[in-house]
Amino acid sequence: YPHAEFPYSWLADENRKRGKESPEFELVDTG
């Protein structure tokens, strides 16, 4: 469980923008 605010919107928004050929945007990718 992260100390910082959990990036709910960021995860949803970024993955929604990516196409099937792109890698998934994971929680660890947010830093």
PDB file of all heavy atoms in Angstrom:
ATOM      1  N   TYR A   1       0.843  -1.194   0.000  1.00  0.00           N
ATOM      2  CA  TYR A   1       0.000   0.000   0.000  1.00  0.00           C
ATOM      3  C   TYR A   1       0.878   1.243   0.000  1.00  0.00           C
ATOM      4  O   TYR A   1       1.671   1.457   0.925  1.00  0.00           O
ATOM      5  CB  TYR A   1      -0.903  -0.022   1.229  1.00  0.00           C
ATOM      6  CG  TYR A   1      -1.966   1.057   1.262  1.00  0.00           C
ATOM      7  CD1 TYR A   1      -2.655   1.437   0.115  1.00  0.00           C
ATOM      8  CD2 TYR A   1      -2.304   1.683   2.457  1.00  0.00           C
ATOM      9  CE1 TYR A   1      -3.636   2.419   0.155  1.00  0.00           C
ATOM     10  CE2 TYR A   1      -3.291   2.656   2.511  1.00  0.00           C
ATOM     11  CZ  TYR A   1      -3.946   3.018   1.350  1.00  0.00           C
ATOM     12  OH  TYR A   1      -4.925   3.993   1.386  1.00  0.00           O
ATOM     13  N   PRO A   2       0.773   2.104  -1.011  1.00  0.00           N
ATOM     14  CA  PRO A   2       1.642   3.292  -1.097  1.00  0.00           C
ATOM     15  C   PRO A   2       1.368   4.305   0.014  1.00  0.00           C
ATOM     16  O   PRO A   2       0.251   4.416   0.523  1.00  0.00           O
ATOM     17  CB  PRO A   2       1.290   3.882  -2.470  1.00  0.00           C
ATOM     18  CG  PRO A   2       0.594   2.794  -3.217  1.00  0.00           C
ATOM     19  CD  PRO A   2      -0.094   1.965  -2.187  1.00  0.00           C
ATOM     20  N   HIS A   3       2.410   5.063   0.356  1.00  0.00           N
ATOM     21  CA  HIS A   3       2.245   6.202   1.264  1.00  0.00           C
ATOM     22  C   HIS A   3       1.480   7.333   0.567  1.00  0.00           C
ATOM     23  O   HIS A   3       0.671   8.028   1.189  1.00  0.00           O
ATOM     24  CB  HIS A   3       3.611   6.765   1.688  1.00  0.00           C
ATOM     25  CG  HIS A   3       4.381   5.854   2.591  1.00  0.00           C
ATOM     26  ND1 HIS A   3       5.660   6.132   2.994  1.00  0.00           N
ATOM     27  CD2 HIS A   3       4.061   4.673   3.176  1.00  0.00           C
ATOM     28  CE1 HIS A   3       6.103   5.169   3.788  1.00  0.00           C
ATOM     29  NE2 HIS A   3       5.148   4.264   3.907  1.00  0.00           N
ATOM     30  N   ALA A   4       1.760   7.543  -0.718  1.00  0.00           N
ATOM     31  CA  ALA A   4       1.166   8.651  -1.467  1.00  0.00           C
ATOM     32  C   ALA A   4      -0.253   8.288  -1.916  1.00  0.00           C
ATOM     33  O   ALA A   4      -0.670   7.125  -1.873  1.00  0.00           O
ATOM     34  CB  ALA A   4       2.032   8.982  -2.683  1.00  0.00           C
ATOM     35  N   GLU A   5      -0.985   9.289  -2.365  1.00  0.00           N
ATOM     36  CA  GLU A   5      -2.348   9.077  -2.837  1.00  0.00           C
ATOM     37  C   GLU A   5      -2.372   8.090  -3.996  1.00  0.00           C
ATOM     38  O   GLU A   5      -1.607   8.214  -4.961  1.00  0.00           O
ATOM     39  CB  GLU A   5      -2.976  10.401  -3.280  1.00  0.00           C
ATOM     40  CG  GLU A   5      -4.408  10.264  -3.784  1.00  0.00           C
ATOM     41  CD  GLU A   5      -5.019  11.586  -4.178  1.00  0.00           C
ATOM     42  OE1 GLU A   5      -4.507  12.639  -3.723  1.00  0.00           O
ATOM     43  OE2 GLU A   5      -6.010  11.571  -4.943  1.00  0.00           O
ATOM     44  N   PHE A   6      -3.245   7.119  -3.914  1.00  0.00           N
ATOM     45  CA  PHE A   6      -3.347   6.087  -4.945  1.00  0.00           C
ATOM     46  C   PHE A   6      -3.846   6.719  -6.254  1.00  0.00           C
ATOM     47  O   PHE A   6      -4.859   7.434  -6.256  1.00  0.00           O
ATOM     48  CB  PHE A   6      -4.309   4.989  -4.495  1.00  0.00           C
ATOM     49  CG  PHE A   6      -4.213   3.727  -5.304  1.00  0.00           C
ATOM     50  CD1 PHE A   6      -3.347   2.714  -4.930  1.00  0.00           C
ATOM     51  CD2 PHE A   6      -4.985   3.552  -6.446  1.00  0.00           C
ATOM     52  CE1 PHE A   6      -3.250   1.545  -5.676  1.00  0.00           C
ATOM     53  CE2 PHE A   6      -4.896   2.397  -7.194  1.00  0.00           C
ATOM     54  CZ  PHE A   6      -4.021   1.391  -6.811  1.00  0.00           C
ATOM     55  N   PRO A   7      -3.165   6.483  -7.390  1.00  0.00           N
ATOM     56  CA  PRO A   7      -3.471   7.197  -8.639  1.00  0.00           C
ATOM     57  C   PRO A   7      -4.612   6.570  -9.432  1.00  0.00           C
ATOM     58  O   PRO A   7      -4.429   6.123 -10.572  1.00  0.00           O
ATOM     59  CB  PRO A   7      -2.139   7.110  -9.402  1.00  0.00           C
ATOM     60  CG  PRO A   7      -1.556   5.803  -8.956  1.00  0.00           C
ATOM     61  CD  PRO A   7      -1.958   5.640  -7.513  1.00  0.00           C
ATOM     62  N   TYR A   8      -5.796   6.552  -8.860  1.00  0.00           N
ATOM     63  CA  TYR A   8      -6.943   5.928  -9.516  1.00  0.00           C
ATOM     64  C   TYR A   8      -7.183   6.510 -10.911  1.00  0.00           C
ATOM     65  O   TYR A   8      -7.242   5.776 -11.914  1.00  0.00           O
ATOM     66  CB  TYR A   8      -8.210   6.112  -8.663  1.00  0.00           C
ATOM     67  CG  TYR A   8      -8.223   5.357  -7.365  1.00  0.00           C
ATOM     68  CD1 TYR A   8      -8.053   6.014  -6.145  1.00  0.00           C
ATOM     69  CD2 TYR A   8      -8.426   3.981  -7.338  1.00  0.00           C
ATOM     70  CE1 TYR A   8      -8.074   5.325  -4.943  1.00  0.00           C
ATOM     71  CE2 TYR A   8      -8.452   3.283  -6.147  1.00  0.00           C
ATOM     72  CZ  TYR A   8      -8.273   3.958  -4.954  1.00  0.00           C
ATOM     73  OH  TYR A   8      -8.296   3.258  -3.755  1.00  0.00           O
ATOM     74  N   SER A   9      -7.349   7.815 -10.994  1.00  0.00           N
ATOM     75  CA  SER A   9      -7.686   8.450 -12.270  1.00  0.00           C
ATOM     76  C   SER A   9      -6.559   8.326 -13.279  1.00  0.00           C
ATOM     77  O   SER A   9      -6.791   8.085 -14.472  1.00  0.00           O
ATOM     78  CB  SER A   9      -8.030   9.928 -12.056  1.00  0.00           C
ATOM     79  OG  SER A   9      -9.150  10.069 -11.218  1.00  0.00           O
ATOM     80  N   TRP A  10      -5.330   8.491 -12.831  1.00  0.00           N
ATOM     81  CA  TRP A  10      -4.180   8.412 -13.729  1.00  0.00           C
ATOM     82  C   TRP A  10      -4.102   7.047 -14.404  1.00  0.00           C
ATOM     83  O   TRP A  10      -3.898   6.934 -15.610  1.00  0.00           O
ATOM     84  CB  TRP A  10      -2.901   8.697 -12.933  1.00  0.00           C
ATOM     85  CG  TRP A  10      -1.664   8.873 -13.784  1.00  0.00           C
ATOM     86  CD1 TRP A  10      -1.579   8.919 -15.143  1.00  0.00           C
ATOM     87  CD2 TRP A  10      -0.331   9.023 -13.297  1.00  0.00           C
ATOM     88  NE1 TRP A  10      -0.284   9.087 -15.540  1.00  0.00           N
ATOM     89  CE2 TRP A  10       0.504   9.155 -14.433  1.00  0.00           C
ATOM     90  CE3 TRP A  10       0.238   9.075 -12.025  1.00  0.00           C
ATOM     91  CZ2 TRP A  10       1.894   9.321 -14.317  1.00  0.00           C
ATOM     92  CZ3 TRP A  10       1.602   9.249 -11.921  1.00  0.00           C
ATOM     93  CH2 TRP A  10       2.426   9.363 -13.050  1.00  0.00           C
ATOM     94  N   LEU A  11      -4.286   5.981 -13.623  1.00  0.00           N
ATOM     95  CA  LEU A  11      -4.242   4.629 -14.176  1.00  0.00           C
ATOM     96  C   LEU A  11      -5.335   4.415 -15.220  1.00  0.00           C
ATOM     97  O   LEU A  11      -5.092   3.860 -16.296  1.00  0.00           O
ATOM     98  CB  LEU A  11      -4.379   3.603 -13.049  1.00  0.00           C
ATOM     99  CG  LEU A  11      -3.178   3.457 -12.116  1.00  0.00           C
ATOM    100  CD1 LEU A  11      -3.555   2.683 -10.872  1.00  0.00           C
ATOM    101  CD2 LEU A  11      -2.022   2.763 -12.836  1.00  0.00           C
ATOM    102  N   ALA A  12      -6.539   4.875 -14.899  1.00  0.00           N
ATOM    103  CA  ALA A  12      -7.650   4.693 -15.839  1.00  0.00           C
ATOM    104  C   ALA A  12      -7.468   5.537 -17.094  1.00  0.00           C
ATOM    105  O   ALA A  12      -7.643   5.046 -18.225  1.00  0.00           O
ATOM    106  CB  ALA A  12      -8.970   5.031 -15.148  1.00  0.00           C
ATOM    107  N   ASP A  13      -7.098   6.790 -16.917  1.00  0.00           N
ATOM    108  CA  ASP A  13      -6.974   7.696 -18.062  1.00  0.00           C
ATOM    109  C   ASP A  13      -5.855   7.259 -19.008  1.00  0.00           C
ATOM    110  O   ASP A  13      -6.023   7.245 -20.233  1.00  0.00           O
ATOM    111  CB  ASP A  13      -6.723   9.127 -17.585  1.00  0.00           C
ATOM    112  CG  ASP A  13      -7.915   9.718 -16.848  1.00  0.00           C
ATOM    113  OD1 ASP A  13      -9.017   9.161 -16.993  1.00  0.00           O
ATOM    114  OD2 ASP A  13      -7.731  10.718 -16.131  1.00  0.00           O
ATOM    115  N   GLU A  14      -4.715   6.907 -18.457  1.00  0.00           N
ATOM    116  CA  GLU A  14      -3.563   6.550 -19.297  1.00  0.00           C
ATOM    117  C   GLU A  14      -3.815   5.251 -20.065  1.00  0.00           C
ATOM    118  O   GLU A  14      -3.502   5.152 -21.253  1.00  0.00           O
ATOM    119  CB  GLU A  14      -2.312   6.430 -18.435  1.00  0.00           C
ATOM    120  CG  GLU A  14      -1.046   6.062 -19.198  1.00  0.00           C
ATOM    121  CD  GLU A  14      -0.651   7.102 -20.234  1.00  0.00           C
ATOM    122  OE1 GLU A  14      -0.939   8.302 -20.016  1.00  0.00           O
ATOM    123  OE2 GLU A  14      -0.056   6.716 -21.259  1.00  0.00           O
ATOM    124  N   ASN A  15      -4.380   4.267 -19.407  1.00  0.00           N
ATOM    125  CA  ASN A  15      -4.636   3.001 -20.102  1.00  0.00           C
ATOM    126  C   ASN A  15      -5.742   3.143 -21.134  1.00  0.00           C
ATOM    127  O   ASN A  15      -5.718   2.475 -22.176  1.00  0.00           O
ATOM    128  CB  ASN A  15      -4.982   1.909 -19.092  1.00  0.00           C
ATOM    129  CG  ASN A  15      -3.743   1.328 -18.429  1.00  0.00           C
ATOM    130  OD1 ASN A  15      -3.033   0.520 -19.015  1.00  0.00           O
ATOM    131  ND2 ASN A  15      -3.485   1.754 -17.198  1.00  0.00           N
ATOM    132  N   ARG A  16      -6.701   4.021 -20.860  1.00  0.00           N
ATOM    133  CA  ARG A  16      -7.785   4.242 -21.825  1.00  0.00           C
ATOM    134  C   ARG A  16      -7.244   4.857 -23.117  1.00  0.00           C
ATOM    135  O   ARG A  16      -7.768   4.602 -24.208  1.00  0.00           O
ATOM    136  CB  ARG A  16      -8.849   5.143 -21.199  1.00  0.00           C
ATOM    137  CG  ARG A  16     -10.179   5.143 -21.963  1.00  0.00           C
ATOM    138  CD  ARG A  16     -11.179   6.091 -21.328  1.00  0.00           C
ATOM    139  NE  ARG A  16     -11.607   5.629 -20.022  1.00  0.00           N
ATOM    140  CZ  ARG A  16     -11.334   6.244 -18.875  1.00  0.00           C
ATOM    141  NH1 ARG A  16     -10.603   7.350 -18.882  1.00  0.00           N
ATOM    142  NH2 ARG A  16     -11.781   5.767 -17.735  1.00  0.00           N
ATOM    143  N   LYS A  17      -6.182   5.643 -23.005  1.00  0.00           N
ATOM    144  CA  LYS A  17      -5.610   6.297 -24.179  1.00  0.00           C
ATOM    145  C   LYS A  17      -4.759   5.356 -25.023  1.00  0.00           C
ATOM    146  O   LYS A  17      -4.562   5.591 -26.215  1.00  0.00           O
ATOM    147  CB  LYS A  17      -4.735   7.483 -23.742  1.00  0.00           C
ATOM    148  CG  LYS A  17      -5.510   8.651 -23.159  1.00  0.00           C
ATOM    149  CD  LYS A  17      -4.616   9.861 -22.959  1.00  0.00           C
ATOM    150  CE  LYS A  17      -3.485   9.574 -22.002  1.00  0.00           C
ATOM    151  NZ  LYS A  17      -2.678  10.791 -21.702  1.00  0.00           N
ATOM    152  N   ARG A  18      -4.236   4.296 -24.413  1.00  0.00           N
ATOM    153  CA  ARG A  18      -3.293   3.433 -25.113  1.00  0.00           C
ATOM    154  C   ARG A  18      -4.016   2.404 -25.987  1.00  0.00           C
ATOM    155  O   ARG A  18      -5.086   1.915 -25.629  1.00  0.00           O
ATOM    156  CB  ARG A  18      -2.388   2.715 -24.116  1.00  0.00           C
ATOM    157  CG  ARG A  18      -1.513   3.670 -23.314  1.00  0.00           C
ATOM    158  CD  ARG A  18      -0.472   2.932 -22.513  1.00  0.00           C
ATOM    159  NE  ARG A  18       0.397   3.849 -21.794  1.00  0.00           N
ATOM    160  CZ  ARG A  18       1.551   3.494 -21.227  1.00  0.00           C
ATOM    161  NH1 ARG A  18       1.970   2.240 -21.289  1.00  0.00           N
ATOM    162  NH2 ARG A  18       2.282   4.394 -20.599  1.00  0.00           N
ATOM    163  N   GLY A  19      -3.402   2.072 -27.104  1.00  0.00           N
ATOM    164  CA  GLY A  19      -3.950   1.054 -27.989  1.00  0.00           C
ATOM    165  C   GLY A  19      -3.485  -0.336 -27.605  1.00  0.00           C
ATOM    166  O   GLY A  19      -2.629  -0.509 -26.730  1.00  0.00           O
ATOM    167  N   LYS A  20      -4.037  -1.330 -28.289  1.00  0.00           N
ATOM    168  CA  LYS A  20      -3.707  -2.721 -27.968  1.00  0.00           C
ATOM    169  C   LYS A  20      -2.241  -3.043 -28.219  1.00  0.00           C
ATOM    170  O   LYS A  20      -1.679  -3.960 -27.629  1.00  0.00           O
ATOM    171  CB  LYS A  20      -4.600  -3.667 -28.781  1.00  0.00           C
ATOM    172  CG  LYS A  20      -6.054  -3.671 -28.336  1.00  0.00           C
ATOM    173  CD  LYS A  20      -6.874  -4.676 -29.134  1.00  0.00           C
ATOM    174  CE  LYS A  20      -8.283  -4.815 -28.574  1.00  0.00           C
ATOM    175  NZ  LYS A  20      -9.041  -3.575 -28.607  1.00  0.00           N
ATOM    176  N   GLU A  21      -1.609  -2.306 -29.141  1.00  0.00           N
ATOM    177  CA  GLU A  21      -0.205  -2.580 -29.448  1.00  0.00           C
ATOM    178  C   GLU A  21       0.740  -1.992 -28.405  1.00  0.00           C
ATOM    179  O   GLU A  21       1.938  -2.306 -28.383  1.00  0.00           O
ATOM    180  CB  GLU A  21       0.146  -2.015 -30.825  1.00  0.00           C
ATOM    181  CG  GLU A  21       0.239  -0.493 -30.916  1.00  0.00           C
ATOM    182  CD  GLU A  21      -1.092   0.232 -30.866  1.00  0.00           C
ATOM    183  OE1 GLU A  21      -2.143  -0.458 -30.942  1.00  0.00           O
ATOM    184  OE2 GLU A  21      -1.102   1.477 -30.755  1.00  0.00           O
ATOM    185  N   SER A  22       0.241  -1.163 -27.503  1.00  0.00           N
ATOM    186  CA  SER A  22       1.081  -0.520 -26.492  1.00  0.00           C
ATOM    187  C   SER A  22       1.098  -1.340 -25.204  1.00  0.00           C
ATOM    188  O   SER A  22       0.142  -2.072 -24.902  1.00  0.00           O
ATOM    189  CB  SER A  22       0.553   0.889 -26.181  1.00  0.00           C
ATOM    190  OG  SER A  22       0.548   1.696 -27.338  1.00  0.00           O
ATOM    191  N   PRO A  23       2.156  -1.222 -24.425  1.00  0.00           N
ATOM    192  CA  PRO A  23       2.173  -1.905 -23.121  1.00  0.00           C
ATOM    193  C   PRO A  23       1.167  -1.275 -22.168  1.00  0.00           C
ATOM    194  O   PRO A  23       0.754  -0.134 -22.353  1.00  0.00           O
ATOM    195  CB  PRO A  23       3.608  -1.700 -22.635  1.00  0.00           C
ATOM    196  CG  PRO A  23       4.067  -0.459 -23.332  1.00  0.00           C
ATOM    197  CD  PRO A  23       3.401  -0.470 -24.671  1.00  0.00           C
ATOM    198  N   GLU A  24       0.784  -2.030 -21.154  1.00  0.00           N
ATOM    199  CA  GLU A  24      -0.127  -1.499 -20.148  1.00  0.00           C
ATOM    200  C   GLU A  24       0.617  -0.515 -19.238  1.00  0.00           C
ATOM    201  O   GLU A  24       1.811  -0.628 -19.036  1.00  0.00           O
ATOM    202  CB  GLU A  24      -0.708  -2.644 -19.316  1.00  0.00           C
ATOM    203  CG  GLU A  24      -1.561  -3.606 -20.121  1.00  0.00           C
ATOM    204  CD  GLU A  24      -1.908  -4.861 -19.348  1.00  0.00           C
ATOM    205  OE1 GLU A  24      -1.692  -4.874 -18.116  1.00  0.00           O
ATOM    206  OE2 GLU A  24      -2.373  -5.830 -19.967  1.00  0.00           O
ATOM    207  N   PHE A  25      -0.109   0.417 -18.716  1.00  0.00           N
ATOM    208  CA  PHE A  25       0.427   1.373 -17.747  1.00  0.00           C
ATOM    209  C   PHE A  25       0.110   0.827 -16.364  1.00  0.00           C
ATOM    210  O   PHE A  25      -1.045   0.757 -15.946  1.00  0.00           O
ATOM    211  CB  PHE A  25      -0.220   2.747 -17.961  1.00  0.00           C
ATOM    212  CG  PHE A  25       0.326   3.828 -17.073  1.00  0.00           C
ATOM    213  CD1 PHE A  25       1.648   4.228 -17.169  1.00  0.00           C
ATOM    214  CD2 PHE A  25      -0.492   4.468 -16.151  1.00  0.00           C
ATOM    215  CE1 PHE A  25       2.161   5.238 -16.355  1.00  0.00           C
ATOM    216  CE2 PHE A  25      -0.008   5.478 -15.343  1.00  0.00           C
ATOM    217  CZ  PHE A  25       1.333   5.863 -15.449  1.00  0.00           C
ATOM    218  N   GLU A  26       1.167   0.406 -15.661  1.00  0.00           N
ATOM    219  CA  GLU A  26       0.991  -0.280 -14.396  1.00  0.00           C
ATOM    220  C   GLU A  26       1.177   0.667 -13.216  1.00  0.00           C
ATOM    221  O   GLU A  26       1.735   1.760 -13.347  1.00  0.00           O
ATOM    222  CB  GLU A  26       1.977  -1.448 -14.290  1.00  0.00           C
ATOM    223  CG  GLU A  26       1.892  -2.450 -15.421  1.00  0.00           C
ATOM    224  CD  GLU A  26       0.613  -3.283 -15.405  1.00  0.00           C
ATOM    225  OE1 GLU A  26      -0.284  -3.009 -14.572  1.00  0.00           O
ATOM    226  OE2 GLU A  26       0.498  -4.192 -16.237  1.00  0.00           O
ATOM    227  N   LEU A  27       0.769   0.206 -12.054  1.00  0.00           N
ATOM    228  CA  LEU A  27       0.895   1.005 -10.837  1.00  0.00           C
ATOM    229  C   LEU A  27       2.353   1.381 -10.577  1.00  0.00           C
ATOM    230  O   LEU A  27       2.650   2.516 -10.195  1.00  0.00           O
ATOM    231  CB  LEU A  27       0.314   0.235  -9.650  1.00  0.00           C
ATOM    232  CG  LEU A  27       0.345   0.918  -8.284  1.00  0.00           C
ATOM    233  CD1 LEU A  27      -0.412   2.237  -8.314  1.00  0.00           C
ATOM    234  CD2 LEU A  27      -0.245   0.000  -7.214  1.00  0.00           C
ATOM    235  N   VAL A  28       3.271   0.463 -10.812  1.00  0.00           N
ATOM    236  CA  VAL A  28       4.683   0.747 -10.557  1.00  0.00           C
ATOM    237  C   VAL A  28       5.219   1.813 -11.512  1.00  0.00           C
ATOM    238  O   VAL A  28       6.176   2.533 -11.183  1.00  0.00           O
ATOM    239  CB  VAL A  28       5.514  -0.554 -10.646  1.00  0.00           C
ATOM    240  CG1 VAL A  28       5.609  -1.052 -12.087  1.00  0.00           C
ATOM    241  CG2 VAL A  28       6.891  -0.378 -10.027  1.00  0.00           C
ATOM    242  N   ASP A  29       4.592   1.952 -12.697  1.00  0.00           N
ATOM    243  CA  ASP A  29       5.035   2.951 -13.674  1.00  0.00           C
ATOM    244  C   ASP A  29       4.758   4.380 -13.213  1.00  0.00           C
ATOM    245  O   ASP A  29       5.331   5.326 -13.748  1.00  0.00           O
ATOM    246  CB  ASP A  29       4.351   2.718 -15.030  1.00  0.00           C
ATOM    247  CG  ASP A  29       4.726   1.385 -15.643  1.00  0.00           C
ATOM    248  OD1 ASP A  29       5.867   0.927 -15.416  1.00  0.00           O
ATOM    249  OD2 ASP A  29       3.881   0.789 -16.345  1.00  0.00           O
ATOM    250  N   THR A  30       3.887   4.550 -12.246  1.00  0.00           N
ATOM    251  CA  THR A  30       3.577   5.888 -11.742  1.00  0.00           C
ATOM    252  C   THR A  30       4.673   6.424 -10.824  1.00  0.00           C
ATOM    253  O   THR A  30       4.657   7.604 -10.464  1.00  0.00           O
ATOM    254  CB  THR A  30       2.249   5.880 -10.962  1.00  0.00           C
ATOM    255  OG1 THR A  30       2.405   5.106  -9.754  1.00  0.00           O
ATOM    256  CG2 THR A  30       1.118   5.293 -11.807  1.00  0.00           C
ATOM    257  N   GLY A  31       5.591   5.560 -10.416  1.00  0.00           N
ATOM    258  CA  GLY A  31       6.642   5.974  -9.489  1.00  0.00           C
ATOM    259  C   GLY A  31       6.209   6.017  -8.043  1.00  0.00           C
ATOM    260  O   GLY A  31       6.956   6.498  -7.179  1.00  0.00           O
TER     261      GLY A  31
END
